[in-house]
Every structure is written in C-alpha cells, then in structure tokens.
C-alpha cells in the first residue's frame, strides 16, 4: 500500500508540473502553423471574416496573436509575441489562475491523503483529476469566448461594394484556382481595396513559397515572406521540432480553389483575407534516421483562411492563418 501511495503521489506531482504545457499546447497537425490559428488581422483580428464558397464554415478564433481584445490591431511589429493559447492575455491570466488554484487544491488533497476533492482515492483519483481538468478547460474556453465577444470592437457597416468591371473575366482565368478568388470585402466605412489579378497570383505564390521555406527550415526566408509576428511563431515551432529531433516536410502544395473573404485599408496598409483549399503532403521524420513518425506520402486536402498584409511600396506578406471549423 505504501508503494502504491508513493507511486500515485509521484504521478500527481508529475501531472501538476506538466499541466501548464498540456493545457497551452493542443494536439494539431505538423504543417506550418501547427494546424492552429495564429497572427493578426489589424482591427479585425477578433471579427470573423465572412464565409465564402471555399470556406463556408466559421473561422476559428486566434490561439496566438499580438492583438489584445478591445485594443486596435497593430501592424505586426517585431515585438515578441504575447503568451497565447488558453491562458494567455489579461482575462486568460485571471481564469488560468483560478483554474490552477482549483487543480492545485485537488493535488494538495491527494498528496496528503484527502483525495482530489476528499471523495476519491487511489488510482480513481487520477481519473478524477483528468476529468476535472477537462471540465476546467471547457469552462475556461467558454469564459474566454464570452470575454472576447464582450471586448470586441464595433465596426461601422455599410453596403457591400460590387466587383469592378472585368472582375468576372479573371475569376476563372487564374490557373489552379478552381473557380478563383472574387469579390471585395464589405462591412467597413473605409473605401474597399481593389484586389487585382497580380495580387491573386502573389497569394498563390506565397502559399507555395512559405510552405517550401518551412520545409527547408529557412528562417530568413520566412521573415521575408511573413510579418515579424508570424515569423516569430514559425521560428518557435521550428525550434520545438529541433528539440524533438524531428523535421516536418510539406511538399506537393497545389491550390484547388480560393475566394476573397474581405479586403480593406487600415493605417496606411492593405489587408486581404482569402480562403484557400489546397492539397499537400505533410510528413514528419526523425532527423537522425529519416524514419516517418507522423503523416505519410499520401496527399491530403486542407482548407485554411490566410490574411495577407502589404505596406506601401512593399510586397504582400502573410499576416495570419486561421483554421475553419
């Protein structure tokens, strides 16, 4: 019994130490962006982009972003990214502290024989802890969603502008777009941004070039193709892959269909949010042996929403990636 008690106590201590990491990092795909939603969309960061035929579902909220709820979005400066995820930000810090307090109290009770909440014992207490962790995560996510809605800035709305002359002539004319991008973003009191055929070609080119730079672990190239904020996330993810002794390769990227969700000008910069459906081969291998540990050689189809940012006189850069729910 003493050995069993000692083992359970050791497991409880290990779980308490690993818990912040477990809650902050969710299981996701290995491809660039980790299958999560990262980046910023200026003042529209916490405003969901309109659905399109390519992505009729809703865009996931950002797991990692520099923009804080209730504050105007920045232009993706080189500042270090704020802690994102479940317990990031001001509200997340408060809720995370409450959750940690509840869990810490339960672990304390286990270590001193009182059970997680004085009603469980032995191995059942570990199961009870896991169930309560899941419950706390669920409640905190609901509270965070409420907080973000409460602090979401209101935007002036107006009639959606109509496409410019000639728009329909190149919607289906761009090779590889399977129906192409089309339309303009509405819902703003600023003049709409006209997206030209050259812009669509840049978006398609960036889709492939960013995936290639990621596969080559070319941080310098990623910094040129994406905003400082996004580049910092990519660099952090690559460092984690190196620590795990693995490398993620994304090949065979082919755009199947794309739609423009919205486009606008803000603080002298241009923004364009597009939904893209594409195929790729996503494979993670061990650095030392080359053994495949995740993914396969079989192509898979992915739909994501990418936001691009362009400063005056500069090229388009990736500003955000959002998953579609």
C-alpha atoms as a PDB file:
ATOM      1  CA  UNK A   1       0.000   0.000   0.000  1.00  0.00           C
ATOM      2  CA  UNK A   2       2.840   2.384   0.784  1.00  0.00           C
ATOM      3  CA  UNK A   3       4.432   1.699  -2.599  1.00  0.00           C
ATOM      4  CA  UNK A   4       1.111   2.290  -4.324  1.00  0.00           C
ATOM      5  CA  UNK A   5       0.566   5.508  -2.406  1.00  0.00           C
ATOM      6  CA  UNK A   6       4.056   6.697  -3.259  1.00  0.00           C
ATOM      7  CA  UNK A   7       3.516   5.928  -6.945  1.00  0.00           C
ATOM      8  CA  UNK A   8       0.238   7.827  -7.018  1.00  0.00           C
ATOM      9  CA  UNK A   9       1.824  10.816  -5.306  1.00  0.00           C
ATOM     10  CA  UNK A  10       4.675  10.815  -7.826  1.00  0.00           C
ATOM     11  CA  UNK A  11       2.183  10.682 -10.704  1.00  0.00           C
ATOM     12  CA  UNK A  12       0.223  13.559  -9.216  1.00  0.00           C
ATOM     13  CA  UNK A  13       3.341  15.702  -8.855  1.00  0.00           C
ATOM     14  CA  UNK A  14       4.428  14.910 -12.428  1.00  0.00           C
ATOM     15  CA  UNK A  15       0.976  15.790 -13.743  1.00  0.00           C
ATOM     16  CA  UNK A  16       0.943  19.078 -11.845  1.00  0.00           C
ATOM     17  CA  UNK A  17       4.300  20.025 -13.376  1.00  0.00           C
ATOM     18  CA  UNK A  18       3.252  19.051 -16.891  1.00  0.00           C
ATOM     19  CA  UNK A  19      -0.260  20.530 -16.690  1.00  0.00           C
ATOM     20  CA  UNK A  20       0.575  24.071 -17.947  1.00  0.00           C
ATOM     21  CA  UNK A  21       2.201  22.613 -21.044  1.00  0.00           C
ATOM     22  CA  UNK A  22      -0.662  20.212 -21.651  1.00  0.00           C
ATOM     23  CA  UNK A  23      -3.209  23.000 -21.472  1.00  0.00           C
ATOM     24  CA  UNK A  24      -1.221  25.541 -23.504  1.00  0.00           C
ATOM     25  CA  UNK A  25      -0.285  23.244 -26.378  1.00  0.00           C
ATOM     26  CA  UNK A  26      -3.051  21.424 -28.197  1.00  0.00           C
ATOM     27  CA  UNK A  27      -2.540  18.453 -30.464  1.00  0.00           C
ATOM     28  CA  UNK A  28      -2.557  19.634 -34.064  1.00  0.00           C
ATOM     29  CA  UNK A  29      -1.173  18.926 -37.488  1.00  0.00           C
ATOM     30  CA  UNK A  30       2.555  19.237 -38.041  1.00  0.00           C
ATOM     31  CA  UNK A  31       2.322  21.510 -41.085  1.00  0.00           C
ATOM     32  CA  UNK A  32       3.221  25.176 -40.927  1.00  0.00           C
ATOM     33  CA  UNK A  33       1.144  26.980 -38.333  1.00  0.00           C
ATOM     34  CA  UNK A  34       0.646  23.734 -36.414  1.00  0.00           C
ATOM     35  CA  UNK A  35      -2.945  23.460 -37.562  1.00  0.00           C
ATOM     36  CA  UNK A  36      -3.853  26.285 -35.169  1.00  0.00           C
ATOM     37  CA  UNK A  37      -4.940  29.897 -35.765  1.00  0.00           C
ATOM     38  CA  UNK A  38      -2.144  32.439 -35.411  1.00  0.00           C
ATOM     39  CA  UNK A  39      -1.420  36.051 -36.312  1.00  0.00           C
ATOM     40  CA  UNK A  40      -3.291  39.334 -36.546  1.00  0.00           C
ATOM     41  CA  UNK A  41      -5.821  40.964 -38.888  1.00  0.00           C
ATOM     42  CA  UNK A  42      -5.411  44.516 -37.656  1.00  0.00           C
ATOM     43  CA  UNK A  43      -8.558  45.893 -36.038  1.00  0.00           C
ATOM     44  CA  UNK A  44     -10.480  42.927 -37.466  1.00  0.00           C
ATOM     45  CA  UNK A  45      -8.483  40.354 -35.523  1.00  0.00           C
ATOM     46  CA  UNK A  46     -11.464  39.490 -33.339  1.00  0.00           C
ATOM     47  CA  UNK A  47     -14.026  39.972 -36.118  1.00  0.00           C
ATOM     48  CA  UNK A  48     -14.727  36.769 -38.029  1.00  0.00           C
ATOM     49  CA  UNK A  49     -14.135  37.051 -41.789  1.00  0.00           C
ATOM     50  CA  UNK A  50     -17.213  36.461 -43.937  1.00  0.00           C
ATOM     51  CA  UNK A  51     -17.792  32.881 -45.107  1.00  0.00           C
ATOM     52  CA  UNK A  52     -17.084  32.058 -48.740  1.00  0.00           C
ATOM     53  CA  UNK A  53     -17.870  29.202 -51.109  1.00  0.00           C
ATOM     54  CA  UNK A  54     -14.392  27.822 -50.415  1.00  0.00           C
ATOM     55  CA  UNK A  55     -14.762  28.059 -46.640  1.00  0.00           C
ATOM     56  CA  UNK A  56     -18.488  28.182 -45.780  1.00  0.00           C
ATOM     57  CA  UNK A  57     -17.757  27.370 -42.135  1.00  0.00           C
ATOM     58  CA  UNK A  58     -16.668  29.845 -39.493  1.00  0.00           C
ATOM     59  CA  UNK A  59     -13.029  30.766 -38.908  1.00  0.00           C
ATOM     60  CA  UNK A  60     -11.513  29.645 -35.615  1.00  0.00           C
ATOM     61  CA  UNK A  61     -10.517  32.282 -33.082  1.00  0.00           C
ATOM     62  CA  UNK A  62      -6.824  33.031 -32.793  1.00  0.00           C
ATOM     63  CA  UNK A  63      -4.795  30.865 -30.426  1.00  0.00           C
ATOM     64  CA  UNK A  64      -1.746  33.094 -30.846  1.00  0.00           C
ATOM     65  CA  UNK A  65      -1.958  36.811 -31.551  1.00  0.00           C
ATOM     66  CA  UNK A  66      -0.286  40.049 -30.508  1.00  0.00           C
ATOM     67  CA  UNK A  67      -3.576  41.927 -30.655  1.00  0.00           C
ATOM     68  CA  UNK A  68      -5.481  42.215 -27.384  1.00  0.00           C
ATOM     69  CA  UNK A  69      -9.299  42.301 -27.221  1.00  0.00           C
ATOM     70  CA  UNK A  70     -10.649  45.831 -27.089  1.00  0.00           C
ATOM     71  CA  UNK A  71      -7.449  47.345 -28.466  1.00  0.00           C
ATOM     72  CA  UNK A  72      -6.817  48.479 -32.049  1.00  0.00           C
ATOM     73  CA  UNK A  73      -4.800  45.975 -34.036  1.00  0.00           C
ATOM     74  CA  UNK A  74      -1.210  46.809 -34.706  1.00  0.00           C
ATOM     75  CA  UNK A  75       0.758  46.349 -37.905  1.00  0.00           C
ATOM     76  CA  UNK A  76       2.605  43.260 -36.737  1.00  0.00           C
ATOM     77  CA  UNK A  77       5.682  44.843 -35.226  1.00  0.00           C
ATOM     78  CA  UNK A  78       8.781  42.907 -34.272  1.00  0.00           C
ATOM     79  CA  UNK A  79       7.829  42.751 -30.606  1.00  0.00           C
ATOM     80  CA  UNK A  80       7.937  39.324 -29.013  1.00  0.00           C
ATOM     81  CA  UNK A  81       4.549  37.601 -29.196  1.00  0.00           C
ATOM     82  CA  UNK A  82       2.418  37.676 -26.093  1.00  0.00           C
ATOM     83  CA  UNK A  83       1.601  34.373 -24.477  1.00  0.00           C
ATOM     84  CA  UNK A  84      -1.261  32.911 -26.460  1.00  0.00           C
ATOM     85  CA  UNK A  85      -3.484  29.929 -26.096  1.00  0.00           C
ATOM     86  CA  UNK A  86      -5.969  29.014 -23.427  1.00  0.00           C
ATOM     87  CA  UNK A  87      -4.499  31.027 -20.546  1.00  0.00           C
ATOM     88  CA  UNK A  88      -2.987  33.979 -22.468  1.00  0.00           C
ATOM     89  CA  UNK A  89      -3.942  37.647 -22.109  1.00  0.00           C
ATOM     90  CA  UNK A  90      -5.439  39.560 -19.205  1.00  0.00           C
ATOM     91  CA  UNK A  91      -8.646  37.586 -18.904  1.00  0.00           C
ATOM     92  CA  UNK A  92      -6.826  34.326 -19.530  1.00  0.00           C
ATOM     93  CA  UNK A  93      -4.350  35.088 -16.763  1.00  0.00           C
ATOM     94  CA  UNK A  94      -7.159  35.567 -14.265  1.00  0.00           C
ATOM     95  CA  UNK A  95      -9.066  32.484 -15.373  1.00  0.00           C
ATOM     96  CA  UNK A  96      -5.873  30.477 -15.587  1.00  0.00           C
ATOM     97  CA  UNK A  97      -5.044  31.434 -12.018  1.00  0.00           C
ATOM     98  CA  UNK A  98      -8.448  30.311 -10.817  1.00  0.00           C
ATOM     99  CA  UNK A  99      -8.138  27.026 -12.673  1.00  0.00           C
ATOM    100  CA  UNK A 100      -4.649  26.448 -11.328  1.00  0.00           C
ATOM    101  CA  UNK A 101      -5.924  27.157  -7.830  1.00  0.00           C
ATOM    102  CA  UNK A 102      -8.666  24.545  -8.108  1.00  0.00           C
ATOM    103  CA  UNK A 103      -6.311  21.959  -9.561  1.00  0.00           C
ATOM    104  CA  UNK A 104      -3.586  22.755  -7.060  1.00  0.00           C
ATOM    105  CA  UNK A 105      -6.059  22.307  -4.230  1.00  0.00           C
ATOM    106  CA  UNK A 106      -7.028  18.917  -5.616  1.00  0.00           C
ATOM    107  CA  UNK A 107      -3.416  17.800  -5.942  1.00  0.00           C
ATOM    108  CA  UNK A 108      -2.677  19.012  -2.431  1.00  0.00           C
ATOM    109  CA  UNK A 109      -5.539  16.914  -1.133  1.00  0.00           C
ATOM    110  CA  UNK A 110      -4.217  13.866  -2.975  1.00  0.00           C
ATOM    111  CA  UNK A 111      -0.703  14.239  -1.602  1.00  0.00           C
ATOM    112  CA  UNK A 112      -1.956  14.417   1.962  1.00  0.00           C
ATOM    113  CA  UNK A 113      -4.491  11.638   1.805  1.00  0.00           C
ATOM    114  CA  UNK A 114      -7.652  13.666   1.386  1.00  0.00           C
ATOM    115  CA  UNK A 115      -8.334  12.695  -2.220  1.00  0.00           C
ATOM    116  CA  UNK A 116      -8.779  15.124  -5.068  1.00  0.00           C
ATOM    117  CA  UNK A 117     -11.910  16.539  -3.531  1.00  0.00           C
ATOM    118  CA  UNK A 118     -11.963  14.354  -0.395  1.00  0.00           C
ATOM    119  CA  UNK A 119     -14.048  11.729  -2.161  1.00  0.00           C
ATOM    120  CA  UNK A 120     -11.659   9.802  -4.391  1.00  0.00           C
ATOM    121  CA  UNK A 121      -8.724   7.614  -3.604  1.00  0.00           C
ATOM    122  CA  UNK A 122      -6.033   5.501  -5.206  1.00  0.00           C
ATOM    123  CA  UNK A 123      -5.977   5.265  -8.962  1.00  0.00           C
ATOM    124  CA  UNK A 124      -9.519   6.632  -9.204  1.00  0.00           C
ATOM    125  CA  UNK A 125      -8.184   9.990  -8.005  1.00  0.00           C
ATOM    126  CA  UNK A 126      -6.010  10.251 -11.113  1.00  0.00           C
ATOM    127  CA  UNK A 127      -9.035   9.585 -13.324  1.00  0.00           C
ATOM    128  CA  UNK A 128     -10.984  12.163 -11.337  1.00  0.00           C
ATOM    129  CA  UNK A 129      -8.188  14.689 -11.818  1.00  0.00           C
ATOM    130  CA  UNK A 130      -8.180  14.176 -15.575  1.00  0.00           C
ATOM    131  CA  UNK A 131     -11.956  14.580 -15.770  1.00  0.00           C
ATOM    132  CA  UNK A 132     -11.828  17.764 -13.709  1.00  0.00           C
ATOM    133  CA  UNK A 133      -9.005  19.140 -15.871  1.00  0.00           C
ATOM    134  CA  UNK A 134     -11.194  18.603 -18.946  1.00  0.00           C
ATOM    135  CA  UNK A 135     -14.104  20.308 -17.200  1.00  0.00           C
ATOM    136  CA  UNK A 136     -11.955  23.288 -16.204  1.00  0.00           C
ATOM    137  CA  UNK A 137     -10.601  23.599 -19.773  1.00  0.00           C
ATOM    138  CA  UNK A 138     -14.151  23.582 -21.154  1.00  0.00           C
ATOM    139  CA  UNK A 139     -15.358  26.230 -18.691  1.00  0.00           C
ATOM    140  CA  UNK A 140     -12.326  28.460 -19.254  1.00  0.00           C
ATOM    141  CA  UNK A 141     -12.740  28.289 -23.033  1.00  0.00           C
ATOM    142  CA  UNK A 142     -16.375  29.333 -22.699  1.00  0.00           C
ATOM    143  CA  UNK A 143     -15.381  32.204 -20.422  1.00  0.00           C
ATOM    144  CA  UNK A 144     -12.647  33.329 -22.822  1.00  0.00           C
ATOM    145  CA  UNK A 145     -15.093  33.296 -25.750  1.00  0.00           C
ATOM    146  CA  UNK A 146     -17.514  35.406 -23.739  1.00  0.00           C
ATOM    147  CA  UNK A 147     -14.719  37.823 -22.780  1.00  0.00           C
ATOM    148  CA  UNK A 148     -13.612  38.250 -26.378  1.00  0.00           C
ATOM    149  CA  UNK A 149     -17.174  38.911 -27.564  1.00  0.00           C
ATOM    150  CA  UNK A 150     -17.628  41.429 -24.744  1.00  0.00           C
ATOM    151  CA  UNK A 151     -14.466  43.310 -25.721  1.00  0.00           C
ATOM    152  CA  UNK A 152     -14.816  43.016 -29.487  1.00  0.00           C
ATOM    153  CA  UNK A 153     -14.714  46.497 -31.053  1.00  0.00           C
ATOM    154  CA  UNK A 154     -17.708  47.573 -33.085  1.00  0.00           C
ATOM    155  CA  UNK A 155     -17.200  48.447 -36.719  1.00  0.00           C
ATOM    156  CA  UNK A 156     -19.227  50.797 -38.823  1.00  0.00           C
ATOM    157  CA  UNK A 157     -21.116  48.945 -41.504  1.00  0.00           C
ATOM    158  CA  UNK A 158     -22.275  49.887 -44.920  1.00  0.00           C
ATOM    159  CA  UNK A 159     -23.439  48.360 -48.192  1.00  0.00           C
ATOM    160  CA  UNK A 160     -21.079  45.866 -49.705  1.00  0.00           C
ATOM    161  CA  UNK A 161     -19.400  47.241 -52.828  1.00  0.00           C
ATOM    162  CA  UNK A 162     -19.867  45.454 -56.117  1.00  0.00           C
ATOM    163  CA  UNK A 163     -16.998  43.934 -58.078  1.00  0.00           C
ATOM    164  CA  UNK A 164     -15.238  46.195 -60.512  1.00  0.00           C
ATOM    165  CA  UNK A 165     -15.604  45.844 -64.263  1.00  0.00           C
ATOM    166  CA  UNK A 166     -13.625  42.910 -65.562  1.00  0.00           C
ATOM    167  CA  UNK A 167     -13.628  41.113 -62.221  1.00  0.00           C
ATOM    168  CA  UNK A 168     -15.576  38.128 -63.584  1.00  0.00           C
ATOM    169  CA  UNK A 169     -13.215  37.808 -66.553  1.00  0.00           C
ATOM    170  CA  UNK A 170     -10.281  36.803 -64.346  1.00  0.00           C
ATOM    171  CA  UNK A 171     -12.134  34.944 -61.579  1.00  0.00           C
ATOM    172  CA  UNK A 172     -11.951  31.756 -63.614  1.00  0.00           C
ATOM    173  CA  UNK A 173      -8.925  32.777 -65.642  1.00  0.00           C
ATOM    174  CA  UNK A 174      -6.254  32.257 -62.969  1.00  0.00           C
ATOM    175  CA  UNK A 175      -4.702  28.824 -63.405  1.00  0.00           C
ATOM    176  CA  UNK A 176      -5.012  26.477 -60.431  1.00  0.00           C
ATOM    177  CA  UNK A 177      -7.680  28.466 -58.629  1.00  0.00           C
ATOM    178  CA  UNK A 178     -10.598  26.179 -59.460  1.00  0.00           C
ATOM    179  CA  UNK A 179     -13.173  28.958 -59.548  1.00  0.00           C
ATOM    180  CA  UNK A 180     -10.768  31.615 -58.436  1.00  0.00           C
ATOM    181  CA  UNK A 181     -10.879  34.442 -55.969  1.00  0.00           C
ATOM    182  CA  UNK A 182     -13.583  37.023 -56.369  1.00  0.00           C
ATOM    183  CA  UNK A 183     -15.367  39.952 -54.816  1.00  0.00           C
ATOM    184  CA  UNK A 184     -14.497  42.619 -52.316  1.00  0.00           C
ATOM    185  CA  UNK A 185     -14.811  42.809 -48.573  1.00  0.00           C
ATOM    186  CA  UNK A 186     -17.632  44.945 -47.195  1.00  0.00           C
ATOM    187  CA  UNK A 187     -18.698  45.999 -43.739  1.00  0.00           C
ATOM    188  CA  UNK A 188     -16.303  48.927 -43.351  1.00  0.00           C
ATOM    189  CA  UNK A 189     -16.601  52.678 -43.507  1.00  0.00           C
ATOM    190  CA  UNK A 190     -13.334  52.898 -45.445  1.00  0.00           C
ATOM    191  CA  UNK A 191     -13.100  52.618 -49.229  1.00  0.00           C
ATOM    192  CA  UNK A 192     -12.799  48.996 -50.347  1.00  0.00           C
ATOM    193  CA  UNK A 193      -9.450  47.730 -51.504  1.00  0.00           C
ATOM    194  CA  UNK A 194      -9.435  46.517 -55.075  1.00  0.00           C
ATOM    195  CA  UNK A 195      -7.579  43.210 -55.415  1.00  0.00           C
ATOM    196  CA  UNK A 196      -6.048  42.780 -58.868  1.00  0.00           C
ATOM    197  CA  UNK A 197      -5.021  39.641 -60.783  1.00  0.00           C
ATOM    198  CA  UNK A 198      -1.390  40.252 -59.814  1.00  0.00           C
ATOM    199  CA  UNK A 199      -2.424  40.180 -56.146  1.00  0.00           C
ATOM    200  CA  UNK A 200      -4.153  36.824 -56.543  1.00  0.00           C
ATOM    201  CA  UNK A 201      -1.058  35.445 -58.218  1.00  0.00           C
ATOM    202  CA  UNK A 202       1.014  36.714 -55.280  1.00  0.00           C
ATOM    203  CA  UNK A 203      -1.263  34.946 -52.794  1.00  0.00           C
ATOM    204  CA  UNK A 204      -0.960  31.650 -54.666  1.00  0.00           C
ATOM    205  CA  UNK A 205       2.808  32.067 -54.948  1.00  0.00           C
ATOM    206  CA  UNK A 206       3.154  32.831 -51.226  1.00  0.00           C
ATOM    207  CA  UNK A 207       1.177  29.696 -50.362  1.00  0.00           C
ATOM    208  CA  UNK A 208       3.840  27.571 -52.030  1.00  0.00           C
ATOM    209  CA  UNK A 209       6.899  29.628 -51.087  1.00  0.00           C
ATOM    210  CA  UNK A 210       6.045  29.777 -47.388  1.00  0.00           C
ATOM    211  CA  UNK A 211       5.458  26.018 -47.258  1.00  0.00           C
ATOM    212  CA  UNK A 212       8.801  25.482 -49.020  1.00  0.00           C
ATOM    213  CA  UNK A 213      10.680  27.792 -46.641  1.00  0.00           C
ATOM    214  CA  UNK A 214       9.087  25.988 -43.699  1.00  0.00           C
ATOM    215  CA  UNK A 215      10.165  22.587 -45.018  1.00  0.00           C
ATOM    216  CA  UNK A 216      13.722  23.876 -45.517  1.00  0.00           C
ATOM    217  CA  UNK A 217      13.653  25.477 -42.046  1.00  0.00           C
ATOM    218  CA  UNK A 218      14.771  28.693 -43.736  1.00  0.00           C
ATOM    219  CA  UNK A 219      14.003  31.243 -41.025  1.00  0.00           C
ATOM    220  CA  UNK A 220      15.479  34.101 -43.035  1.00  0.00           C
ATOM    221  CA  UNK A 221      13.157  33.363 -45.929  1.00  0.00           C
ATOM    222  CA  UNK A 222      10.148  33.078 -43.623  1.00  0.00           C
ATOM    223  CA  UNK A 223      10.955  36.516 -42.220  1.00  0.00           C
ATOM    224  CA  UNK A 224      10.778  37.970 -45.738  1.00  0.00           C
ATOM    225  CA  UNK A 225       7.532  36.237 -46.663  1.00  0.00           C
ATOM    226  CA  UNK A 226       5.603  36.844 -43.432  1.00  0.00           C
ATOM    227  CA  UNK A 227       5.153  39.559 -40.840  1.00  0.00           C
ATOM    228  CA  UNK A 228       7.507  39.663 -37.832  1.00  0.00           C
ATOM    229  CA  UNK A 229       4.725  38.275 -35.668  1.00  0.00           C
ATOM    230  CA  UNK A 230       4.079  35.257 -37.880  1.00  0.00           C
ATOM    231  CA  UNK A 231       7.804  34.674 -38.402  1.00  0.00           C
ATOM    232  CA  UNK A 232       8.298  34.537 -34.633  1.00  0.00           C
ATOM    233  CA  UNK A 233       5.650  31.809 -34.345  1.00  0.00           C
ATOM    234  CA  UNK A 234       7.206  29.813 -37.177  1.00  0.00           C
ATOM    235  CA  UNK A 235      10.652  30.129 -35.629  1.00  0.00           C
ATOM    236  CA  UNK A 236       9.343  28.950 -32.263  1.00  0.00           C
ATOM    237  CA  UNK A 237       7.636  25.941 -33.883  1.00  0.00           C
ATOM    238  CA  UNK A 238      10.822  25.034 -35.753  1.00  0.00           C
ATOM    239  CA  UNK A 239      12.797  25.208 -32.514  1.00  0.00           C
ATOM    240  CA  UNK A 240      10.325  22.802 -30.936  1.00  0.00           C
ATOM    241  CA  UNK A 241      10.775  20.403 -33.845  1.00  0.00           C
ATOM    242  CA  UNK A 242      14.539  20.589 -33.415  1.00  0.00           C
ATOM    243  CA  UNK A 243      14.204  19.876 -29.704  1.00  0.00           C
ATOM    244  CA  UNK A 244      12.119  16.803 -30.545  1.00  0.00           C
ATOM    245  CA  UNK A 245      14.692  15.673 -33.077  1.00  0.00           C
ATOM    246  CA  UNK A 246      12.238  15.768 -35.992  1.00  0.00           C
ATOM    247  CA  UNK A 247      11.777  17.709 -39.200  1.00  0.00           C
ATOM    248  CA  UNK A 248       8.475  18.444 -40.933  1.00  0.00           C
ATOM    249  CA  UNK A 249       8.374  18.446 -44.732  1.00  0.00           C
ATOM    250  CA  UNK A 250       5.430  19.837 -46.699  1.00  0.00           C
ATOM    251  CA  UNK A 251       5.525  19.077 -50.415  1.00  0.00           C
ATOM    252  CA  UNK A 252       3.213  18.898 -53.405  1.00  0.00           C
ATOM    253  CA  UNK A 253       1.294  22.044 -52.473  1.00  0.00           C
ATOM    254  CA  UNK A 254      -1.427  22.712 -55.041  1.00  0.00           C
ATOM    255  CA  UNK A 255      -4.143  25.320 -54.746  1.00  0.00           C
ATOM    256  CA  UNK A 256      -7.527  23.926 -55.756  1.00  0.00           C
ATOM    257  CA  UNK A 257      -9.868  26.813 -55.017  1.00  0.00           C
ATOM    258  CA  UNK A 258      -9.755  30.243 -53.439  1.00  0.00           C
ATOM    259  CA  UNK A 259     -12.131  33.053 -52.531  1.00  0.00           C
ATOM    260  CA  UNK A 260     -11.588  36.566 -51.283  1.00  0.00           C
ATOM    261  CA  UNK A 261     -13.422  36.959 -47.974  1.00  0.00           C
ATOM    262  CA  UNK A 262     -12.681  40.654 -47.452  1.00  0.00           C
ATOM    263  CA  UNK A 263     -10.108  43.329 -48.222  1.00  0.00           C
ATOM    264  CA  UNK A 264      -9.549  46.737 -46.673  1.00  0.00           C
ATOM    265  CA  UNK A 265      -7.081  49.526 -45.933  1.00  0.00           C
ATOM    266  CA  UNK A 266      -6.050  50.352 -42.402  1.00  0.00           C
ATOM    267  CA  UNK A 267      -3.399  52.726 -41.010  1.00  0.00           C
ATOM    268  CA  UNK A 268      -1.817  53.057 -44.438  1.00  0.00           C
ATOM    269  CA  UNK A 269      -1.563  49.300 -45.024  1.00  0.00           C
ATOM    270  CA  UNK A 270      -3.550  46.922 -47.239  1.00  0.00           C
ATOM    271  CA  UNK A 271      -5.163  43.748 -45.894  1.00  0.00           C
ATOM    272  CA  UNK A 272      -6.682  40.848 -47.808  1.00  0.00           C
ATOM    273  CA  UNK A 273      -8.237  37.777 -46.208  1.00  0.00           C
ATOM    274  CA  UNK A 274      -8.679  34.800 -48.506  1.00  0.00           C
ATOM    275  CA  UNK A 275      -9.979  31.270 -48.061  1.00  0.00           C
ATOM    276  CA  UNK A 276      -7.868  28.636 -49.781  1.00  0.00           C
ATOM    277  CA  UNK A 277      -8.453  24.952 -50.344  1.00  0.00           C
ATOM    278  CA  UNK A 278      -5.316  23.096 -51.327  1.00  0.00           C
ATOM    279  CA  UNK A 279      -3.634  19.708 -51.280  1.00  0.00           C
ATOM    280  CA  UNK A 280      -0.266  18.856 -49.768  1.00  0.00           C
ATOM    281  CA  UNK A 281       1.865  16.014 -48.482  1.00  0.00           C
ATOM    282  CA  UNK A 282       2.583  16.534 -44.773  1.00  0.00           C
ATOM    283  CA  UNK A 283       5.255  14.252 -43.340  1.00  0.00           C
ATOM    284  CA  UNK A 284       7.411  14.421 -40.194  1.00  0.00           C
ATOM    285  CA  UNK A 285      10.567  12.326 -39.931  1.00  0.00           C
ATOM    286  CA  UNK A 286      13.318  11.726 -37.397  1.00  0.00           C
ATOM    287  CA  UNK A 287      16.360  13.852 -38.147  1.00  0.00           C
ATOM    288  CA  UNK A 288      18.834  11.087 -37.381  1.00  0.00           C
ATOM    289  CA  UNK A 289      17.225   8.090 -39.067  1.00  0.00           C
ATOM    290  CA  UNK A 290      14.723   9.592 -41.516  1.00  0.00           C
ATOM    291  CA  UNK A 291      12.007   7.347 -40.111  1.00  0.00           C
ATOM    292  CA  UNK A 292       8.481   8.688 -40.636  1.00  0.00           C
ATOM    293  CA  UNK A 293       6.877   9.454 -37.266  1.00  0.00           C
ATOM    294  CA  UNK A 294       3.848  11.497 -38.401  1.00  0.00           C
ATOM    295  CA  UNK A 295       1.977  11.852 -41.676  1.00  0.00           C
ATOM    296  CA  UNK A 296       2.554   9.895 -44.863  1.00  0.00           C
ATOM    297  CA  UNK A 297       3.273  10.224 -48.568  1.00  0.00           C
ATOM    298  CA  UNK A 298      -0.440  10.388 -49.296  1.00  0.00           C
ATOM    299  CA  UNK A 299      -1.690  13.887 -50.224  1.00  0.00           C
ATOM    300  CA  UNK A 300      -4.330  15.430 -48.015  1.00  0.00           C
ATOM    301  CA  UNK A 301      -6.768  18.265 -48.632  1.00  0.00           C
ATOM    302  CA  UNK A 302      -6.714  21.314 -46.350  1.00  0.00           C
ATOM    303  CA  UNK A 303      -8.865  24.435 -46.158  1.00  0.00           C
ATOM    304  CA  UNK A 304      -7.478  27.461 -44.326  1.00  0.00           C
ATOM    305  CA  UNK A 305      -8.066  31.213 -44.224  1.00  0.00           C
ATOM    306  CA  UNK A 306      -4.949  33.295 -44.799  1.00  0.00           C
ATOM    307  CA  UNK A 307      -4.680  37.050 -44.290  1.00  0.00           C
ATOM    308  CA  UNK A 308      -2.041  39.000 -46.193  1.00  0.00           C
ATOM    309  CA  UNK A 309      -0.630  42.425 -45.323  1.00  0.00           C
ATOM    310  CA  UNK A 310       1.072  44.903 -47.635  1.00  0.00           C
ATOM    311  CA  UNK A 311       2.798  48.117 -46.610  1.00  0.00           C
ATOM    312  CA  UNK A 312       3.133  50.946 -49.153  1.00  0.00           C
ATOM    313  CA  UNK A 313       5.797  50.128 -51.711  1.00  0.00           C
ATOM    314  CA  UNK A 314       6.336  46.614 -50.343  1.00  0.00           C
ATOM    315  CA  UNK A 315       5.220  43.111 -51.293  1.00  0.00           C
ATOM    316  CA  UNK A 316       2.435  41.118 -49.722  1.00  0.00           C
ATOM    317  CA  UNK A 317       3.320  39.190 -46.533  1.00  0.00           C
ATOM    318  CA  UNK A 318       1.452  36.540 -44.609  1.00  0.00           C
ATOM    319  CA  UNK A 319      -0.169  38.131 -41.562  1.00  0.00           C
ATOM    320  CA  UNK A 320      -2.420  35.363 -40.195  1.00  0.00           C
ATOM    321  CA  UNK A 321      -3.563  31.772 -40.668  1.00  0.00           C
ATOM    322  CA  UNK A 322      -6.965  30.639 -39.400  1.00  0.00           C
ATOM    323  CA  UNK A 323      -8.458  27.161 -39.382  1.00  0.00           C
ATOM    324  CA  UNK A 324     -12.027  26.557 -40.496  1.00  0.00           C
ATOM    325  CA  UNK A 325     -14.460  24.884 -38.115  1.00  0.00           C
END
